[in-house]
PDB file of all heavy atoms in Angstrom:
ATOM      1  N   ALA A   1      79.108  -7.939 -60.151  1.00  0.00           N
ATOM      2  CA  ALA A   1      77.935  -7.129 -59.863  1.00  0.00           C
ATOM      3  C   ALA A   1      77.378  -7.509 -58.496  1.00  0.00           C
ATOM      4  O   ALA A   1      77.062  -8.682 -58.247  1.00  0.00           O
ATOM      5  CB  ALA A   1      76.865  -7.336 -60.934  1.00  0.00           C
ATOM      6  N   LEU A   2      77.260  -6.516 -57.614  1.00  0.00           N
ATOM      7  CA  LEU A   2      76.710  -6.750 -56.288  1.00  0.00           C
ATOM      8  C   LEU A   2      75.218  -6.402 -56.222  1.00  0.00           C
ATOM      9  O   LEU A   2      74.485  -7.006 -55.456  1.00  0.00           O
ATOM     10  CB  LEU A   2      77.478  -5.929 -55.250  1.00  0.00           C
ATOM     11  CG  LEU A   2      78.983  -6.218 -55.185  1.00  0.00           C
ATOM     12  CD1 LEU A   2      79.641  -5.363 -54.124  1.00  0.00           C
ATOM     13  CD2 LEU A   2      79.245  -7.701 -54.922  1.00  0.00           C
ATOM     14  N   TYR A   3      74.797  -5.435 -57.023  1.00  0.00           N
ATOM     15  CA  TYR A   3      73.383  -5.062 -57.049  1.00  0.00           C
ATOM     16  C   TYR A   3      73.122  -4.170 -58.251  1.00  0.00           C
ATOM     17  O   TYR A   3      74.031  -3.489 -58.747  1.00  0.00           O
ATOM     18  CB  TYR A   3      72.975  -4.323 -55.760  1.00  0.00           C
ATOM     19  CG  TYR A   3      71.475  -4.185 -55.602  1.00  0.00           C
ATOM     20  CD1 TYR A   3      70.680  -5.307 -55.388  1.00  0.00           C
ATOM     21  CD2 TYR A   3      70.848  -2.947 -55.686  1.00  0.00           C
ATOM     22  CE1 TYR A   3      69.291  -5.193 -55.270  1.00  0.00           C
ATOM     23  CE2 TYR A   3      69.462  -2.828 -55.554  1.00  0.00           C
ATOM     24  CZ  TYR A   3      68.694  -3.959 -55.354  1.00  0.00           C
ATOM     25  OH  TYR A   3      67.339  -3.858 -55.241  1.00  0.00           O
ATOM     26  N   PHE A   4      71.877  -4.199 -58.723  1.00  0.00           N
ATOM     27  CA  PHE A   4      71.396  -3.311 -59.777  1.00  0.00           C
ATOM     28  C   PHE A   4      70.213  -2.527 -59.212  1.00  0.00           C
ATOM     29  O   PHE A   4      69.394  -3.069 -58.484  1.00  0.00           O
ATOM     30  CB  PHE A   4      70.921  -4.095 -60.997  1.00  0.00           C
ATOM     31  CG  PHE A   4      71.981  -4.906 -61.679  1.00  0.00           C
ATOM     32  CD1 PHE A   4      72.294  -6.192 -61.226  1.00  0.00           C
ATOM     33  CD2 PHE A   4      72.668  -4.417 -62.783  1.00  0.00           C
ATOM     34  CE1 PHE A   4      73.258  -6.956 -61.851  1.00  0.00           C
ATOM     35  CE2 PHE A   4      73.640  -5.178 -63.422  1.00  0.00           C
ATOM     36  CZ  PHE A   4      73.934  -6.448 -62.952  1.00  0.00           C
ATOM     37  N   SER A   5      70.114  -1.253 -59.583  1.00  0.00           N
ATOM     38  CA  SER A   5      69.023  -0.447 -59.058  1.00  0.00           C
ATOM     39  C   SER A   5      68.728   0.739 -59.967  1.00  0.00           C
ATOM     40  O   SER A   5      69.592   1.203 -60.711  1.00  0.00           O
ATOM     41  CB  SER A   5      69.368   0.074 -57.656  1.00  0.00           C
ATOM     42  OG  SER A   5      68.295   0.833 -57.120  1.00  0.00           O
ATOM     43  N   ARG A   6      67.500   1.239 -59.849  1.00  0.00           N
ATOM     44  CA  ARG A   6      67.140   2.492 -60.506  1.00  0.00           C
ATOM     45  C   ARG A   6      67.545   3.693 -59.649  1.00  0.00           C
ATOM     46  O   ARG A   6      67.539   4.826 -60.121  1.00  0.00           O
ATOM     47  CB  ARG A   6      65.640   2.519 -60.787  1.00  0.00           C
ATOM     48  CG  ARG A   6      65.210   1.407 -61.733  1.00  0.00           C
ATOM     49  CD  ARG A   6      63.734   1.460 -62.075  1.00  0.00           C
ATOM     50  NE  ARG A   6      63.389   0.354 -62.947  1.00  0.00           N
ATOM     51  CZ  ARG A   6      63.598   0.329 -64.264  1.00  0.00           C
ATOM     52  NH1 ARG A   6      64.148   1.377 -64.856  1.00  0.00           N
ATOM     53  NH2 ARG A   6      63.267  -0.712 -64.992  1.00  0.00           N
ATOM     54  N   ALA A   7      67.917   3.420 -58.400  1.00  0.00           N
ATOM     55  CA  ALA A   7      68.407   4.461 -57.498  1.00  0.00           C
ATOM     56  C   ALA A   7      69.907   4.669 -57.726  1.00  0.00           C
ATOM     57  O   ALA A   7      70.586   3.797 -58.268  1.00  0.00           O
ATOM     58  CB  ALA A   7      68.156   4.056 -56.046  1.00  0.00           C
ATOM     59  N   PRO A   8      70.445   5.829 -57.312  1.00  0.00           N
ATOM     60  CA  PRO A   8      71.890   6.062 -57.469  1.00  0.00           C
ATOM     61  C   PRO A   8      72.688   5.243 -56.460  1.00  0.00           C
ATOM     62  O   PRO A   8      72.709   5.553 -55.270  1.00  0.00           O
ATOM     63  CB  PRO A   8      72.038   7.573 -57.220  1.00  0.00           C
ATOM     64  CG  PRO A   8      70.821   7.977 -56.473  1.00  0.00           C
ATOM     65  CD  PRO A   8      69.732   7.023 -56.837  1.00  0.00           C
ATOM     66  N   ILE A   9      73.291   4.171 -56.945  1.00  0.00           N
ATOM     67  CA  ILE A   9      74.110   3.303 -56.089  1.00  0.00           C
ATOM     68  C   ILE A   9      75.497   3.151 -56.695  1.00  0.00           C
ATOM     69  O   ILE A   9      75.649   3.215 -57.917  1.00  0.00           O
ATOM     70  CB  ILE A   9      73.467   1.903 -55.911  1.00  0.00           C
ATOM     71  CG1 ILE A   9      73.263   1.225 -57.285  1.00  0.00           C
ATOM     72  CG2 ILE A   9      72.190   1.997 -55.111  1.00  0.00           C
ATOM     73  CD1 ILE A   9      72.917  -0.231 -57.205  1.00  0.00           C
ATOM     74  N   PRO A  10      76.547   2.936 -55.857  1.00  0.00           N
ATOM     75  CA  PRO A  10      76.533   3.053 -54.400  1.00  0.00           C
ATOM     76  C   PRO A  10      76.459   4.524 -53.974  1.00  0.00           C
ATOM     77  O   PRO A  10      76.676   5.425 -54.779  1.00  0.00           O
ATOM     78  CB  PRO A  10      77.860   2.427 -53.995  1.00  0.00           C
ATOM     79  CG  PRO A  10      78.748   2.683 -55.171  1.00  0.00           C
ATOM     80  CD  PRO A  10      77.871   2.578 -56.379  1.00  0.00           C
ATOM     81  N   TRP A  11      76.152   4.747 -52.701  1.00  0.00           N
ATOM     82  CA  TRP A  11      76.029   6.097 -52.171  1.00  0.00           C
ATOM     83  C   TRP A  11      77.305   6.886 -52.429  1.00  0.00           C
ATOM     84  O   TRP A  11      78.408   6.370 -52.223  1.00  0.00           O
ATOM     85  CB  TRP A  11      75.741   6.032 -50.671  1.00  0.00           C
ATOM     86  CG  TRP A  11      75.522   7.371 -50.019  1.00  0.00           C
ATOM     87  CD1 TRP A  11      74.584   8.296 -50.346  1.00  0.00           C
ATOM     88  CD2 TRP A  11      76.267   7.915 -48.926  1.00  0.00           C
ATOM     89  NE1 TRP A  11      74.684   9.402 -49.518  1.00  0.00           N
ATOM     90  CE2 TRP A  11      75.711   9.182 -48.639  1.00  0.00           C
ATOM     91  CE3 TRP A  11      77.346   7.466 -48.153  1.00  0.00           C
ATOM     92  CZ2 TRP A  11      76.196   9.999 -47.626  1.00  0.00           C
ATOM     93  CZ3 TRP A  11      77.821   8.276 -47.133  1.00  0.00           C
ATOM     94  CH2 TRP A  11      77.246   9.529 -46.875  1.00  0.00           C
ATOM     95  N   ASP A  12      77.171   8.123 -52.885  1.00  0.00           N
ATOM     96  CA  ASP A  12      78.344   8.941 -53.188  1.00  0.00           C
ATOM     97  C   ASP A  12      78.564  10.075 -52.191  1.00  0.00           C
ATOM     98  O   ASP A  12      79.500  10.861 -52.339  1.00  0.00           O
ATOM     99  CB  ASP A  12      78.271   9.504 -54.613  1.00  0.00           C
ATOM    100  CG  ASP A  12      77.075  10.425 -54.822  1.00  0.00           C
ATOM    101  OD1 ASP A  12      76.431  10.827 -53.829  1.00  0.00           O
ATOM    102  OD2 ASP A  12      76.767  10.743 -55.984  1.00  0.00           O
ATOM    103  N   GLY A  13      77.679  10.186 -51.187  1.00  0.00           N
ATOM    104  CA  GLY A  13      77.843  11.224 -50.179  1.00  0.00           C
ATOM    105  C   GLY A  13      77.804  12.634 -50.734  1.00  0.00           C
ATOM    106  O   GLY A  13      78.328  13.564 -50.121  1.00  0.00           O
ATOM    107  N   GLY A  14      77.175  12.798 -51.898  1.00  0.00           N
ATOM    108  CA  GLY A  14      77.117  14.115 -52.520  1.00  0.00           C
ATOM    109  C   GLY A  14      78.330  14.472 -53.342  1.00  0.00           C
ATOM    110  O   GLY A  14      78.409  15.568 -53.904  1.00  0.00           O
ATOM    111  N   ASN A  15      79.270  13.546 -53.470  1.00  0.00           N
ATOM    112  CA  ASN A  15      80.496  13.789 -54.232  1.00  0.00           C
ATOM    113  C   ASN A  15      80.316  13.224 -55.642  1.00  0.00           C
ATOM    114  O   ASN A  15      80.442  12.016 -55.857  1.00  0.00           O
ATOM    115  CB  ASN A  15      81.685  13.138 -53.541  1.00  0.00           C
ATOM    116  CG  ASN A  15      82.999  13.403 -54.271  1.00  0.00           C
ATOM    117  OD1 ASN A  15      83.015  14.010 -55.344  1.00  0.00           O
ATOM    118  ND2 ASN A  15      84.099  12.939 -53.697  1.00  0.00           N
ATOM    119  N   GLU A  16      80.038  14.103 -56.612  1.00  0.00           N
ATOM    120  CA  GLU A  16      79.783  13.641 -57.980  1.00  0.00           C
ATOM    121  C   GLU A  16      81.050  13.208 -58.708  1.00  0.00           C
ATOM    122  O   GLU A  16      80.988  12.751 -59.850  1.00  0.00           O
ATOM    123  CB  GLU A  16      79.063  14.733 -58.774  1.00  0.00           C
ATOM    124  CG  GLU A  16      77.644  14.976 -58.284  1.00  0.00           C
ATOM    125  CD  GLU A  16      76.850  15.873 -59.207  1.00  0.00           C
ATOM    126  OE1 GLU A  16      77.446  16.436 -60.159  1.00  0.00           O
ATOM    127  OE2 GLU A  16      75.636  16.013 -58.992  1.00  0.00           O
ATOM    128  N   ASN A  17      82.200  13.342 -58.050  1.00  0.00           N
ATOM    129  CA  ASN A  17      83.435  12.828 -58.639  1.00  0.00           C
ATOM    130  C   ASN A  17      83.576  11.324 -58.434  1.00  0.00           C
ATOM    131  O   ASN A  17      84.385  10.683 -59.094  1.00  0.00           O
ATOM    132  CB  ASN A  17      84.660  13.540 -58.042  1.00  0.00           C
ATOM    133  CG  ASN A  17      84.739  14.996 -58.465  1.00  0.00           C
ATOM    134  OD1 ASN A  17      84.478  15.323 -59.622  1.00  0.00           O
ATOM    135  ND2 ASN A  17      85.068  15.878 -57.535  1.00  0.00           N
ATOM    136  N   LEU A  18      82.790  10.782 -57.489  1.00  0.00           N
ATOM    137  CA  LEU A  18      82.799   9.332 -57.289  1.00  0.00           C
ATOM    138  C   LEU A  18      81.963   8.687 -58.387  1.00  0.00           C
ATOM    139  O   LEU A  18      80.837   9.111 -58.641  1.00  0.00           O
ATOM    140  CB  LEU A  18      82.242   8.983 -55.916  1.00  0.00           C
ATOM    141  CG  LEU A  18      83.102   9.431 -54.724  1.00  0.00           C
ATOM    142  CD1 LEU A  18      82.372   9.133 -53.416  1.00  0.00           C
ATOM    143  CD2 LEU A  18      84.466   8.752 -54.742  1.00  0.00           C
ATOM    144  N   PRO A  19      82.487   7.666 -59.045  1.00  0.00           N
ATOM    145  CA  PRO A  19      81.792   7.130 -60.224  1.00  0.00           C
ATOM    146  C   PRO A  19      80.523   6.367 -59.885  1.00  0.00           C
ATOM    147  O   PRO A  19      80.447   5.649 -58.881  1.00  0.00           O
ATOM    148  CB  PRO A  19      82.836   6.196 -60.851  1.00  0.00           C
ATOM    149  CG  PRO A  19      83.689   5.768 -59.705  1.00  0.00           C
ATOM    150  CD  PRO A  19      83.762   6.965 -58.790  1.00  0.00           C
ATOM    151  N   LEU A  20      79.523   6.542 -60.744  1.00  0.00           N
ATOM    152  CA  LEU A  20      78.365   5.660 -60.802  1.00  0.00           C
ATOM    153  C   LEU A  20      78.356   5.052 -62.204  1.00  0.00           C
ATOM    154  O   LEU A  20      78.784   5.685 -63.176  1.00  0.00           O
ATOM    155  CB  LEU A  20      77.062   6.420 -60.548  1.00  0.00           C
ATOM    156  CG  LEU A  20      76.869   7.061 -59.170  1.00  0.00           C
ATOM    157  CD1 LEU A  20      75.495   7.707 -59.080  1.00  0.00           C
ATOM    158  CD2 LEU A  20      77.070   6.058 -58.051  1.00  0.00           C
ATOM    159  N   TYR A  21      77.832   3.836 -62.301  1.00  0.00           N
ATOM    160  CA  TYR A  21      77.910   3.114 -63.570  1.00  0.00           C
ATOM    161  C   TYR A  21      76.521   2.800 -64.122  1.00  0.00           C
ATOM    162  O   TYR A  21      75.660   2.269 -63.419  1.00  0.00           O
ATOM    163  CB  TYR A  21      78.718   1.823 -63.410  1.00  0.00           C
ATOM    164  CG  TYR A  21      80.175   2.113 -63.140  1.00  0.00           C
ATOM    165  CD1 TYR A  21      80.665   2.101 -61.836  1.00  0.00           C
ATOM    166  CD2 TYR A  21      81.033   2.447 -64.175  1.00  0.00           C
ATOM    167  CE1 TYR A  21      81.993   2.396 -61.580  1.00  0.00           C
ATOM    168  CE2 TYR A  21      82.369   2.741 -63.931  1.00  0.00           C
ATOM    169  CZ  TYR A  21      82.844   2.721 -62.632  1.00  0.00           C
ATOM    170  OH  TYR A  21      84.157   3.031 -62.381  1.00  0.00           O
ATOM    171  N   HIS A  22      76.348   3.166 -65.376  1.00  0.00           N
ATOM    172  CA  HIS A  22      75.112   2.933 -66.129  1.00  0.00           C
ATOM    173  C   HIS A  22      75.136   1.495 -66.648  1.00  0.00           C
ATOM    174  O   HIS A  22      76.014   1.122 -67.429  1.00  0.00           O
ATOM    175  CB  HIS A  22      75.064   3.935 -67.293  1.00  0.00           C
ATOM    176  CG  HIS A  22      73.835   3.882 -68.129  1.00  0.00           C
ATOM    177  ND1 HIS A  22      73.358   4.986 -68.809  1.00  0.00           N
ATOM    178  CD2 HIS A  22      72.972   2.882 -68.428  1.00  0.00           C
ATOM    179  CE1 HIS A  22      72.268   4.659 -69.479  1.00  0.00           C
ATOM    180  NE2 HIS A  22      72.028   3.376 -69.264  1.00  0.00           N
ATOM    181  N   HIS A  23      74.163   0.700 -66.210  1.00  0.00           N
ATOM    182  CA  HIS A  23      74.098  -0.679 -66.699  1.00  0.00           C
ATOM    183  C   HIS A  23      73.604  -0.712 -68.138  1.00  0.00           C
ATOM    184  O   HIS A  23      72.648  -0.034 -68.508  1.00  0.00           O
ATOM    185  CB  HIS A  23      73.168  -1.521 -65.825  1.00  0.00           C
ATOM    186  CG  HIS A  23      72.971  -2.904 -66.360  1.00  0.00           C
ATOM    187  ND1 HIS A  23      71.733  -3.428 -66.631  1.00  0.00           N
ATOM    188  CD2 HIS A  23      73.870  -3.854 -66.706  1.00  0.00           C
ATOM    189  CE1 HIS A  23      71.876  -4.649 -67.117  1.00  0.00           C
ATOM    190  NE2 HIS A  23      73.159  -4.927 -67.177  1.00  0.00           N
ATOM    191  N   ILE A  24      74.263  -1.514 -68.955  1.00  0.00           N
ATOM    192  CA  ILE A  24      73.912  -1.696 -70.365  1.00  0.00           C
ATOM    193  C   ILE A  24      73.356  -3.109 -70.524  1.00  0.00           C
ATOM    194  O   ILE A  24      74.015  -4.085 -70.170  1.00  0.00           O
ATOM    195  CB  ILE A  24      75.149  -1.497 -71.266  1.00  0.00           C
ATOM    196  CG1 ILE A  24      75.713  -0.079 -71.084  1.00  0.00           C
ATOM    197  CG2 ILE A  24      74.808  -1.759 -72.733  1.00  0.00           C
ATOM    198  CD1 ILE A  24      77.106   0.095 -71.653  1.00  0.00           C
ATOM    199  N   GLY A  25      72.153  -3.223 -71.068  1.00  0.00           N
ATOM    200  CA  GLY A  25      71.438  -4.485 -71.048  1.00  0.00           C
ATOM    201  C   GLY A  25      71.798  -5.500 -72.110  1.00  0.00           C
ATOM    202  O   GLY A  25      70.913  -6.063 -72.763  1.00  0.00           O
ATOM    203  N   LEU A  26      73.075  -5.735 -72.315  1.00  0.00           N
ATOM    204  CA  LEU A  26      73.522  -6.884 -73.089  1.00  0.00           C
ATOM    205  C   LEU A  26      73.976  -7.943 -72.089  1.00  0.00           C
ATOM    206  O   LEU A  26      74.558  -7.602 -71.049  1.00  0.00           O
ATOM    207  CB  LEU A  26      74.697  -6.530 -74.007  1.00  0.00           C
ATOM    208  CG  LEU A  26      74.366  -5.918 -75.364  1.00  0.00           C
ATOM    209  CD1 LEU A  26      73.861  -4.495 -75.183  1.00  0.00           C
ATOM    210  CD2 LEU A  26      75.604  -5.925 -76.260  1.00  0.00           C
ATOM    211  N   TYR A  27      73.737  -9.213 -72.418  1.00  0.00           N
ATOM    212  CA  TYR A  27      74.068 -10.278 -71.473  1.00  0.00           C
ATOM    213  C   TYR A  27      74.764 -11.436 -72.188  1.00  0.00           C
ATOM    214  O   TYR A  27      74.457 -11.748 -73.339  1.00  0.00           O
ATOM    215  CB  TYR A  27      72.806 -10.829 -70.803  1.00  0.00           C
ATOM    216  CG  TYR A  27      72.102  -9.856 -69.910  1.00  0.00           C
ATOM    217  CD1 TYR A  27      71.028  -9.100 -70.377  1.00  0.00           C
ATOM    218  CD2 TYR A  27      72.485  -9.686 -68.578  1.00  0.00           C
ATOM    219  CE1 TYR A  27      70.357  -8.200 -69.557  1.00  0.00           C
ATOM    220  CE2 TYR A  27      71.830  -8.786 -67.750  1.00  0.00           C
ATOM    221  CZ  TYR A  27      70.769  -8.051 -68.247  1.00  0.00           C
ATOM    222  OH  TYR A  27      70.125  -7.157 -67.433  1.00  0.00           O
ATOM    223  N   GLY A  28      75.659 -12.062 -71.460  1.00  0.00           N
ATOM    224  CA  GLY A  28      76.216 -13.341 -71.868  1.00  0.00           C
ATOM    225  C   GLY A  28      75.812 -14.376 -70.837  1.00  0.00           C
ATOM    226  O   GLY A  28      75.939 -14.145 -69.632  1.00  0.00           O
ATOM    227  N   PHE A  29      75.291 -15.502 -71.294  1.00  0.00           N
ATOM    228  CA  PHE A  29      74.868 -16.582 -70.397  1.00  0.00           C
ATOM    229  C   PHE A  29      75.643 -17.853 -70.728  1.00  0.00           C
ATOM    230  O   PHE A  29      75.747 -18.225 -71.905  1.00  0.00           O
ATOM    231  CB  PHE A  29      73.390 -16.927 -70.593  1.00  0.00           C
ATOM    232  CG  PHE A  29      72.408 -15.881 -70.182  1.00  0.00           C
ATOM    233  CD1 PHE A  29      71.998 -14.900 -71.071  1.00  0.00           C
ATOM    234  CD2 PHE A  29      71.849 -15.903 -68.917  1.00  0.00           C
ATOM    235  CE1 PHE A  29      71.058 -13.950 -70.706  1.00  0.00           C
ATOM    236  CE2 PHE A  29      70.905 -14.956 -68.539  1.00  0.00           C
ATOM    237  CZ  PHE A  29      70.509 -13.981 -69.423  1.00  0.00           C
ATOM    238  N   ARG A  30      76.125 -18.536 -69.721  1.00  0.00           N
ATOM    239  CA  ARG A  30      76.480 -19.925 -69.950  1.00  0.00           C
ATOM    240  C   ARG A  30      75.182 -20.686 -70.232  1.00  0.00           C
ATOM    241  O   ARG A  30      74.118 -20.328 -69.722  1.00  0.00           O
ATOM    242  CB  ARG A  30      77.188 -20.510 -68.729  1.00  0.00           C
ATOM    243  CG  ARG A  30      78.522 -19.855 -68.445  1.00  0.00           C
ATOM    244  CD  ARG A  30      79.325 -20.601 -67.407  1.00  0.00           C
ATOM    245  NE  ARG A  30      80.498 -19.808 -67.064  1.00  0.00           N
ATOM    246  CZ  ARG A  30      81.611 -19.751 -67.795  1.00  0.00           C
ATOM    247  NH1 ARG A  30      81.693 -20.478 -68.912  1.00  0.00           N
ATOM    248  NH2 ARG A  30      82.628 -19.006 -67.433  1.00  0.00           N
ATOM    249  N   ARG A  31      75.265 -21.722 -71.034  1.00  0.00           N
ATOM    250  CA  ARG A  31      74.046 -22.441 -71.445  1.00  0.00           C
ATOM    251  C   ARG A  31      73.242 -22.902 -70.224  1.00  0.00           C
ATOM    252  O   ARG A  31      72.034 -22.675 -70.134  1.00  0.00           O
ATOM    253  CB  ARG A  31      74.452 -23.638 -72.311  1.00  0.00           C
ATOM    254  CG  ARG A  31      73.299 -24.544 -72.774  1.00  0.00           C
ATOM    255  CD  ARG A  31      72.624 -23.969 -73.965  1.00  0.00           C
ATOM    256  NE  ARG A  31      71.560 -24.791 -74.484  1.00  0.00           N
ATOM    257  CZ  ARG A  31      71.521 -25.260 -75.736  1.00  0.00           C
ATOM    258  NH1 ARG A  31      72.492 -24.995 -76.572  1.00  0.00           N
ATOM    259  NH2 ARG A  31      70.490 -25.954 -76.166  1.00  0.00           N
ATOM    260  N   ALA A  32      73.925 -23.515 -69.261  1.00  0.00           N
ATOM    261  CA  ALA A  32      73.234 -24.018 -68.082  1.00  0.00           C
ATOM    262  C   ALA A  32      72.658 -22.876 -67.247  1.00  0.00           C
ATOM    263  O   ALA A  32      71.591 -23.015 -66.632  1.00  0.00           O
ATOM    264  CB  ALA A  32      74.179 -24.873 -67.237  1.00  0.00           C
ATOM    265  N   ALA A  33      73.346 -21.740 -67.223  1.00  0.00           N
ATOM    266  CA  ALA A  33      72.869 -20.595 -66.446  1.00  0.00           C
ATOM    267  C   ALA A  33      71.588 -20.038 -67.039  1.00  0.00           C
ATOM    268  O   ALA A  33      70.660 -19.659 -66.304  1.00  0.00           O
ATOM    269  CB  ALA A  33      73.950 -19.518 -66.381  1.00  0.00           C
ATOM    270  N   LEU A  34      71.506 -19.968 -68.364  1.00  0.00           N
ATOM    271  CA  LEU A  34      70.281 -19.481 -69.000  1.00  0.00           C
ATOM    272  C   LEU A  34      69.118 -20.424 -68.715  1.00  0.00           C
ATOM    273  O   LEU A  34      68.007 -19.975 -68.387  1.00  0.00           O
ATOM    274  CB  LEU A  34      70.485 -19.334 -70.506  1.00  0.00           C
ATOM    275  CG  LEU A  34      69.258 -18.891 -71.300  1.00  0.00           C
ATOM    276  CD1 LEU A  34      68.755 -17.524 -70.834  1.00  0.00           C
ATOM    277  CD2 LEU A  34      69.558 -18.856 -72.807  1.00  0.00           C
ATOM    278  N   ALA A  35      69.369 -21.720 -68.812  1.00  0.00           N
ATOM    279  CA  ALA A  35      68.314 -22.692 -68.533  1.00  0.00           C
ATOM    280  C   ALA A  35      67.810 -22.551 -67.102  1.00  0.00           C
ATOM    281  O   ALA A  35      66.599 -22.604 -66.842  1.00  0.00           O
ATOM    282  CB  ALA A  35      68.828 -24.109 -68.779  1.00  0.00           C
ATOM    283  N   ARG A  36      68.730 -22.348 -66.163  1.00  0.00           N
ATOM    284  CA  ARG A  36      68.317 -22.171 -64.766  1.00  0.00           C
ATOM    285  C   ARG A  36      67.559 -20.860 -64.587  1.00  0.00           C
ATOM    286  O   ARG A  36      66.533 -20.818 -63.908  1.00  0.00           O
ATOM    287  CB  ARG A  36      69.542 -22.203 -63.856  1.00  0.00           C
ATOM    288  CG  ARG A  36      69.160 -22.056 -62.386  1.00  0.00           C
ATOM    289  CD  ARG A  36      70.347 -21.927 -61.467  1.00  0.00           C
ATOM    290  NE  ARG A  36      69.893 -21.689 -60.105  1.00  0.00           N
ATOM    291  CZ  ARG A  36      70.635 -21.168 -59.143  1.00  0.00           C
ATOM    292  NH1 ARG A  36      71.891 -20.842 -59.396  1.00  0.00           N
ATOM    293  NH2 ARG A  36      70.139 -20.975 -57.939  1.00  0.00           N
ATOM    294  N   PHE A  37      68.076 -19.803 -65.206  1.00  0.00           N
ATOM    295  CA  PHE A  37      67.479 -18.480 -65.017  1.00  0.00           C
ATOM    296  C   PHE A  37      66.021 -18.453 -65.461  1.00  0.00           C
ATOM    297  O   PHE A  37      65.154 -17.941 -64.756  1.00  0.00           O
ATOM    298  CB  PHE A  37      68.286 -17.437 -65.780  1.00  0.00           C
ATOM    299  CG  PHE A  37      67.729 -16.049 -65.673  1.00  0.00           C
ATOM    300  CD1 PHE A  37      67.845 -15.324 -64.500  1.00  0.00           C
ATOM    301  CD2 PHE A  37      67.076 -15.455 -66.748  1.00  0.00           C
ATOM    302  CE1 PHE A  37      67.318 -14.040 -64.389  1.00  0.00           C
ATOM    303  CE2 PHE A  37      66.554 -14.183 -66.644  1.00  0.00           C
ATOM    304  CZ  PHE A  37      66.677 -13.469 -65.463  1.00  0.00           C
ATOM    305  N   VAL A  38      65.729 -18.986 -66.640  1.00  0.00           N
ATOM    306  CA  VAL A  38      64.347 -18.922 -67.144  1.00  0.00           C
ATOM    307  C   VAL A  38      63.411 -19.845 -66.365  1.00  0.00           C
ATOM    308  O   VAL A  38      62.189 -19.703 -66.460  1.00  0.00           O
ATOM    309  CB  VAL A  38      64.269 -19.223 -68.659  1.00  0.00           C
ATOM    310  CG1 VAL A  38      65.060 -18.193 -69.450  1.00  0.00           C
ATOM    311  CG2 VAL A  38      64.740 -20.635 -68.973  1.00  0.00           C
ATOM    312  N   SER A  39      63.972 -20.773 -65.587  1.00  0.00           N
ATOM    313  CA  SER A  39      63.133 -21.660 -64.774  1.00  0.00           C
ATOM    314  C   SER A  39      62.786 -21.056 -63.421  1.00  0.00           C
ATOM    315  O   SER A  39      61.900 -21.566 -62.719  1.00  0.00           O
ATOM    316  CB  SER A  39      63.840 -23.001 -64.559  1.00  0.00           C
ATOM    317  OG  SER A  39      64.918 -22.878 -63.636  1.00  0.00           O
ATOM    318  N   LEU A  40      63.483 -19.971 -63.039  1.00  0.00           N
ATOM    319  CA  LEU A  40      63.262 -19.358 -61.733  1.00  0.00           C
ATOM    320  C   LEU A  40      61.980 -18.523 -61.724  1.00  0.00           C
ATOM    321  O   LEU A  40      61.660 -17.872 -62.717  1.00  0.00           O
ATOM    322  CB  LEU A  40      64.436 -18.450 -61.368  1.00  0.00           C
ATOM    323  CG  LEU A  40      65.785 -19.120 -61.109  1.00  0.00           C
ATOM    324  CD1 LEU A  40      66.887 -18.053 -61.018  1.00  0.00           C
ATOM    325  CD2 LEU A  40      65.736 -19.943 -59.818  1.00  0.00           C
ATOM    326  N   PRO A  41      61.279 -18.515 -60.601  1.00  0.00           N
ATOM    327  CA  PRO A  41      60.122 -17.620 -60.502  1.00  0.00           C
ATOM    328  C   PRO A  41      60.570 -16.182 -60.321  1.00  0.00           C
ATOM    329  O   PRO A  41      61.698 -15.909 -59.934  1.00  0.00           O
ATOM    330  CB  PRO A  41      59.393 -18.126 -59.245  1.00  0.00           C
ATOM    331  CG  PRO A  41      60.496 -18.700 -58.399  1.00  0.00           C
ATOM    332  CD  PRO A  41      61.487 -19.297 -59.364  1.00  0.00           C
ATOM    333  N   SER A  42      59.674 -15.255 -60.621  1.00  0.00           N
ATOM    334  CA  SER A  42      59.951 -13.829 -60.380  1.00  0.00           C
ATOM    335  C   SER A  42      60.299 -13.641 -58.917  1.00  0.00           C
ATOM    336  O   SER A  42      59.729 -14.288 -58.056  1.00  0.00           O
ATOM    337  CB  SER A  42      58.696 -13.034 -60.658  1.00  0.00           C
ATOM    338  OG  SER A  42      58.843 -12.209 -61.697  1.00  0.00           O
ATOM    339  N   SER A  43      61.256 -12.740 -58.639  1.00  0.00           N
ATOM    340  CA  SER A  43      61.751 -12.571 -57.274  1.00  0.00           C
ATOM    341  C   SER A  43      61.245 -11.262 -56.658  1.00  0.00           C
ATOM    342  O   SER A  43      60.743 -10.377 -57.352  1.00  0.00           O
ATOM    343  CB  SER A  43      63.277 -12.593 -57.260  1.00  0.00           C
ATOM    344  OG  SER A  43      63.791 -11.457 -57.918  1.00  0.00           O
ATOM    345  N   ILE A  44      61.437 -11.151 -55.358  1.00  0.00           N
ATOM    346  CA  ILE A  44      60.923  -9.997 -54.621  1.00  0.00           C
ATOM    347  C   ILE A  44      61.561  -8.697 -55.108  1.00  0.00           C
ATOM    348  O   ILE A  44      60.874  -7.715 -55.418  1.00  0.00           O
ATOM    349  CB  ILE A  44      61.164 -10.191 -53.107  1.00  0.00           C
ATOM    350  CG1 ILE A  44      60.318 -11.346 -52.592  1.00  0.00           C
ATOM    351  CG2 ILE A  44      60.833  -8.907 -52.342  1.00  0.00           C
ATOM    352  CD1 ILE A  44      60.662 -11.775 -51.180  1.00  0.00           C
TER     353      ILE A  44
END
């Protein structure tokens, strides 16, 4: 994953045959990754 957005990404140049992907909010965390994630402050 390079980025998540509510905007249509990546740019398709008006070509609807180019795929866009709907993110599904299930997650897998390594134990240490979850511990780090919840310790981080909200980001910009």
